[in-house]
Every structure is written in structure tokens, then in C-alpha cells.
Amino acid sequence: MPESKTRRKNRKPQNNGAAVANDKPMPKWYKPVMFGLMLLGLVWIMVYYISQTLFPIPIIGGWNIVVGFGFAMVGFFMTTGWR
């Protein structure tokens, strides 16, 4: 039976002196904005349904759902950059 190779535990990635972009810390505003946008989208859609289409913006009608999902999706897209 063949033997497995030994693992090198302390191997460092070689970037040849190039700066790694992931080493920067996240800004403090990122997480509150991300969660805030997701909640704003949810609240926007809930207000639209609870008020029977009278609020938040009655002129745009059903597009209020698109606006609410837009806010929520921007928040969800921000989760891909969250570390």
C-alpha cells in the first residue's frame, strides 16, 4: 500500500512582494449598512402590503415591491464582501 506524503503545515503563500487585498480590515460602517439595507427592504415590502398599497410611495404602485427587493438585494450582495 502506498504511503501518503507528509503535509507542510507552515507553508506561506508566495505573493512575491505584492500586497494582498484581503489583509485590509473591514470598515466599521460596512456591517450596519449591510444589515440595514436588508431590513429596510423587508420593512418597505411589509409596509406596502400592510397599508394595502397606500404607502410608502402610492404613485409608483406595484413598483414598491421592486424598490423593497432592490434594497434587500444590495444588502445581500454586500455579504459577499463581508469578512
C-alpha atoms as a PDB file:
ATOM      1  CA  MET A   1       0.000   0.000   0.000  1.00  0.00           C
ATOM      2  CA  PRO A   2       1.483   3.414  -0.938  1.00  0.00           C
ATOM      3  CA  GLU A   3       2.292   5.874   1.813  1.00  0.00           C
ATOM      4  CA  SER A   4       0.858   9.389   1.833  1.00  0.00           C
ATOM      5  CA  LYS A   5       3.145  12.392   1.561  1.00  0.00           C
ATOM      6  CA  THR A   6       3.776  14.447   4.648  1.00  0.00           C
ATOM      7  CA  ARG A   7       1.941  17.739   4.923  1.00  0.00           C
ATOM      8  CA  ARG A   8       3.676  21.048   5.273  1.00  0.00           C
ATOM      9  CA  LYS A   9       1.784  22.910   7.974  1.00  0.00           C
ATOM     10  CA  ASN A  10       3.660  26.187   7.962  1.00  0.00           C
ATOM     11  CA  ARG A  11       3.596  26.857   4.252  1.00  0.00           C
ATOM     12  CA  LYS A  12       3.187  30.556   3.429  1.00  0.00           C
ATOM     13  CA  PRO A  13       1.606  31.713   0.172  1.00  0.00           C
ATOM     14  CA  GLN A  14       4.086  33.250  -2.193  1.00  0.00           C
ATOM     15  CA  ASN A  15       2.936  36.616  -3.445  1.00  0.00           C
ATOM     16  CA  ASN A  16       6.378  37.876  -4.499  1.00  0.00           C
ATOM     17  CA  GLY A  17       6.052  41.128  -2.581  1.00  0.00           C
ATOM     18  CA  ALA A  18       2.618  42.027  -3.968  1.00  0.00           C
ATOM     19  CA  ALA A  19       0.118  43.414  -1.471  1.00  0.00           C
ATOM     20  CA  VAL A  20      -2.792  41.129  -0.711  1.00  0.00           C
ATOM     21  CA  ALA A  21      -6.163  42.927  -0.871  1.00  0.00           C
ATOM     22  CA  ASN A  22      -7.789  40.711   1.789  1.00  0.00           C
ATOM     23  CA  ASP A  23      -5.417  41.899   4.511  1.00  0.00           C
ATOM     24  CA  LYS A  24      -7.268  45.201   4.927  1.00  0.00           C
ATOM     25  CA  PRO A  25      -9.711  45.338   7.828  1.00  0.00           C
ATOM     26  CA  MET A  26     -13.390  45.939   7.070  1.00  0.00           C
ATOM     27  CA  PRO A  27     -14.688  49.464   7.655  1.00  0.00           C
ATOM     28  CA  LYS A  28     -16.867  49.801  10.737  1.00  0.00           C
ATOM     29  CA  TRP A  29     -19.818  51.112   8.701  1.00  0.00           C
ATOM     30  CA  TYR A  30     -19.982  48.068   6.378  1.00  0.00           C
ATOM     31  CA  LYS A  31     -21.879  45.633   8.592  1.00  0.00           C
ATOM     32  CA  PRO A  32     -24.531  48.116   9.858  1.00  0.00           C
ATOM     33  CA  VAL A  33     -25.184  49.337   6.309  1.00  0.00           C
ATOM     34  CA  MET A  34     -25.421  45.775   5.009  1.00  0.00           C
ATOM     35  CA  PHE A  35     -27.937  44.650   7.630  1.00  0.00           C
ATOM     36  CA  GLY A  36     -29.728  47.998   7.481  1.00  0.00           C
ATOM     37  CA  LEU A  37     -30.373  47.661   3.751  1.00  0.00           C
ATOM     38  CA  MET A  38     -31.694  44.132   4.153  1.00  0.00           C
ATOM     39  CA  LEU A  39     -34.043  45.249   6.929  1.00  0.00           C
ATOM     40  CA  LEU A  40     -35.091  48.384   5.041  1.00  0.00           C
ATOM     41  CA  GLY A  41     -36.111  46.265   2.054  1.00  0.00           C
ATOM     42  CA  LEU A  42     -38.100  43.915   4.268  1.00  0.00           C
ATOM     43  CA  VAL A  43     -39.830  46.766   6.104  1.00  0.00           C
ATOM     44  CA  TRP A  44     -40.560  48.535   2.788  1.00  0.00           C
ATOM     45  CA  ILE A  45     -42.373  45.478   1.426  1.00  0.00           C
ATOM     46  CA  MET A  46     -44.205  44.858   4.721  1.00  0.00           C
ATOM     47  CA  VAL A  47     -45.442  48.463   4.867  1.00  0.00           C
ATOM     48  CA  TYR A  48     -46.602  48.197   1.260  1.00  0.00           C
ATOM     49  CA  TYR A  49     -48.704  45.109   1.991  1.00  0.00           C
ATOM     50  CA  ILE A  50     -49.972  46.136   5.437  1.00  0.00           C
ATOM     51  CA  SER A  51     -51.101  49.567   4.230  1.00  0.00           C
ATOM     52  CA  GLN A  52     -52.891  47.926   1.276  1.00  0.00           C
ATOM     53  CA  THR A  53     -50.711  49.704  -1.308  1.00  0.00           C
ATOM     54  CA  LEU A  54     -51.179  53.226   0.167  1.00  0.00           C
ATOM     55  CA  PHE A  55     -47.621  53.568   1.487  1.00  0.00           C
ATOM     56  CA  PRO A  56     -44.578  54.056   1.153  1.00  0.00           C
ATOM     57  CA  ILE A  57     -44.972  55.690  -2.311  1.00  0.00           C
ATOM     58  CA  PRO A  58     -48.552  55.372  -3.623  1.00  0.00           C
ATOM     59  CA  ILE A  59     -47.793  56.852  -7.062  1.00  0.00           C
ATOM     60  CA  ILE A  60     -45.484  54.029  -8.180  1.00  0.00           C
ATOM     61  CA  GLY A  61     -47.920  51.271  -7.167  1.00  0.00           C
ATOM     62  CA  GLY A  62     -46.540  47.762  -7.586  1.00  0.00           C
ATOM     63  CA  TRP A  63     -43.041  49.068  -8.190  1.00  0.00           C
ATOM     64  CA  ASN A  64     -42.796  49.451  -4.414  1.00  0.00           C
ATOM     65  CA  ILE A  65     -42.083  45.715  -4.301  1.00  0.00           C
ATOM     66  CA  VAL A  66     -39.213  46.159  -6.756  1.00  0.00           C
ATOM     67  CA  VAL A  67     -37.807  49.005  -4.646  1.00  0.00           C
ATOM     68  CA  GLY A  68     -38.026  46.876  -1.489  1.00  0.00           C
ATOM     69  CA  PHE A  69     -36.356  43.902  -3.134  1.00  0.00           C
ATOM     70  CA  GLY A  70     -33.737  46.244  -4.583  1.00  0.00           C
ATOM     71  CA  PHE A  71     -32.732  47.473  -1.127  1.00  0.00           C
ATOM     72  CA  ALA A  72     -32.650  43.913   0.188  1.00  0.00           C
ATOM     73  CA  MET A  73     -30.606  42.622  -2.754  1.00  0.00           C
ATOM     74  CA  VAL A  74     -27.985  45.365  -2.368  1.00  0.00           C
ATOM     75  CA  GLY A  75     -27.653  44.273   1.265  1.00  0.00           C
ATOM     76  CA  PHE A  76     -27.342  40.628   0.248  1.00  0.00           C
ATOM     77  CA  PHE A  77     -24.750  41.460  -2.409  1.00  0.00           C
ATOM     78  CA  MET A  78     -22.745  43.250   0.261  1.00  0.00           C
ATOM     79  CA  THR A  79     -22.499  39.972   2.195  1.00  0.00           C
ATOM     80  CA  THR A  80     -20.142  38.628  -0.478  1.00  0.00           C
ATOM     81  CA  GLY A  81     -17.509  41.186   0.551  1.00  0.00           C
ATOM     82  CA  TRP A  82     -18.008  40.808   4.293  1.00  0.00           C
ATOM     83  CA  ARG A  83     -15.086  39.238   6.189  1.00  0.00           C
END
